[in-house]
Protein backbone atom coordinates (compact mmCIF):
# COMPACT_ATOMS: atom_id res chain seq x y z
CA LEU A 1 48.99 87.71 263.10
CA GLU A 2 50.54 84.56 261.68
CA GLU A 3 53.85 86.31 261.17
CA ALA A 4 53.83 87.60 264.77
CA ARG A 5 53.11 84.08 266.04
CA LYS A 6 56.07 82.73 264.09
CA LYS A 7 58.35 85.37 265.66
CA ALA A 8 57.06 84.76 269.22
CA CYS A 9 59.64 84.32 271.96
CA VAL A 10 59.59 80.76 273.28
CA LEU A 11 61.11 80.23 276.70
CA ASP A 12 62.23 76.83 277.87
CA PHE A 13 61.80 76.84 281.66
CA THR A 14 63.67 73.57 281.98
CA LEU A 15 66.91 75.46 281.24
CA PRO A 16 68.70 76.72 284.40
CA GLU A 17 68.99 80.32 283.11
CA ASN A 18 65.20 80.48 282.66
CA THR A 19 64.23 79.00 286.01
CA PRO A 20 61.97 81.45 287.87
CA TYR A 21 63.32 82.88 291.11
CA THR A 22 61.85 81.42 294.27
CA PRO A 23 61.44 84.04 297.02
CA ASN A 24 62.75 83.33 300.53
CA PHE A 25 59.50 84.56 302.08
CA ILE A 26 55.92 84.71 300.86
CA GLY A 27 53.29 86.74 302.68
CA THR A 28 53.19 89.76 304.91
CA LYS A 29 56.19 90.46 307.13
CA VAL A 30 55.68 92.62 310.20
CA ILE A 31 58.59 94.36 311.86
CA ASP A 32 57.44 94.98 315.41
CA ASP A 33 59.13 97.66 317.51
CA PHE A 34 61.41 99.08 314.82
CA GLU A 35 64.49 100.86 316.18
CA PHE A 36 64.51 104.68 316.10
CA ASP A 37 68.21 104.75 315.25
CA ASP A 38 67.53 102.84 312.06
CA ILE A 39 64.83 105.27 310.97
CA GLU A 40 66.23 108.68 312.00
CA LYS A 41 68.83 108.65 309.22
CA ALA A 42 66.12 108.07 306.59
CA ILE A 43 63.79 110.95 307.57
CA ASP A 44 63.19 113.37 304.66
CA TRP A 45 62.96 116.71 306.42
CA ASN A 46 61.92 118.71 303.33
CA PRO A 47 58.18 117.94 303.59
CA PHE A 48 58.39 118.74 307.32
CA PHE A 49 59.61 122.28 306.62
CA GLN A 50 57.18 122.73 303.72
CA THR A 51 54.28 121.81 305.98
CA TRP A 52 55.31 124.63 308.29
CA GLN A 53 55.55 126.87 305.20
CA LEU A 54 59.28 127.35 305.68
CA ARG A 55 60.77 127.47 302.21
CA GLY A 56 64.24 128.85 301.66
CA ARG A 57 65.21 130.73 298.53
CA TYR A 58 67.59 129.16 296.04
CA PRO A 59 70.28 128.01 296.77
CA ASN A 60 69.08 127.54 300.35
CA ARG A 61 66.20 125.23 299.64
CA GLY A 62 65.83 121.93 301.39
CA TYR A 63 67.44 120.35 304.40
CA PRO A 64 70.09 121.21 305.62
CA LYS A 65 70.66 124.27 303.38
CA ILE A 66 67.48 125.90 304.65
CA PHE A 67 69.30 126.79 307.87
CA ASN A 68 71.49 129.21 305.83
CA ASP A 69 68.50 131.16 304.48
CA GLU A 70 68.31 134.80 305.66
CA THR A 71 64.52 134.83 305.96
CA VAL A 72 63.53 131.42 307.38
CA GLY A 73 66.86 129.87 308.44
CA GLU A 74 66.71 130.79 312.10
CA GLU A 75 63.10 129.64 312.49
CA ALA A 76 63.78 126.46 310.55
CA LYS A 77 66.70 125.63 312.89
CA LYS A 78 64.53 126.21 315.96
CA LEU A 79 61.79 123.99 314.54
CA PHE A 80 64.30 121.29 313.61
CA ASP A 81 65.85 121.36 317.09
CA ASP A 82 62.38 121.03 318.67
CA ALA A 83 61.66 118.06 316.42
CA GLN A 84 64.95 116.45 317.42
CA LYS A 85 64.12 116.90 321.09
CA MET A 86 60.71 115.33 320.50
CA LEU A 87 62.25 112.31 318.75
CA ALA A 88 64.74 111.94 321.60
CA GLN A 89 61.83 111.92 324.10
CA PHE A 90 59.98 109.28 322.10
CA LYS A 91 63.11 107.15 322.03
CA GLU A 92 63.98 107.69 325.72
CA LYS A 93 60.48 107.15 327.16
CA LYS A 94 59.49 104.54 324.53
CA SER A 95 56.24 106.44 324.15
CA LEU A 96 56.04 105.74 320.45
CA LYS A 97 56.25 102.31 318.90
CA LEU A 98 57.42 102.01 315.32
CA VAL A 99 55.83 99.16 313.37
CA ALA A 100 56.36 98.36 309.70
């Protein structure tokens, strides 16, 4: 224990390179009425298709490759198009408010 204490790292917080970072904001930040355009690009469609039990066979697994699958590709494309229409309606009618 004594040997470990002798080898302990000692930081001098008065030195500029050891000064702790001060955050610009402290607390909870709420983004009210988030834009759909900002979020649409970030949607991970794979869980969406998996929920509907649409799983393509390798190498056609996952979005957008699932559309090429012989078995589920056509149905996956129809489902995706329906989801896109639904998102467009939410955006157009402002019937869904995105808050983060």
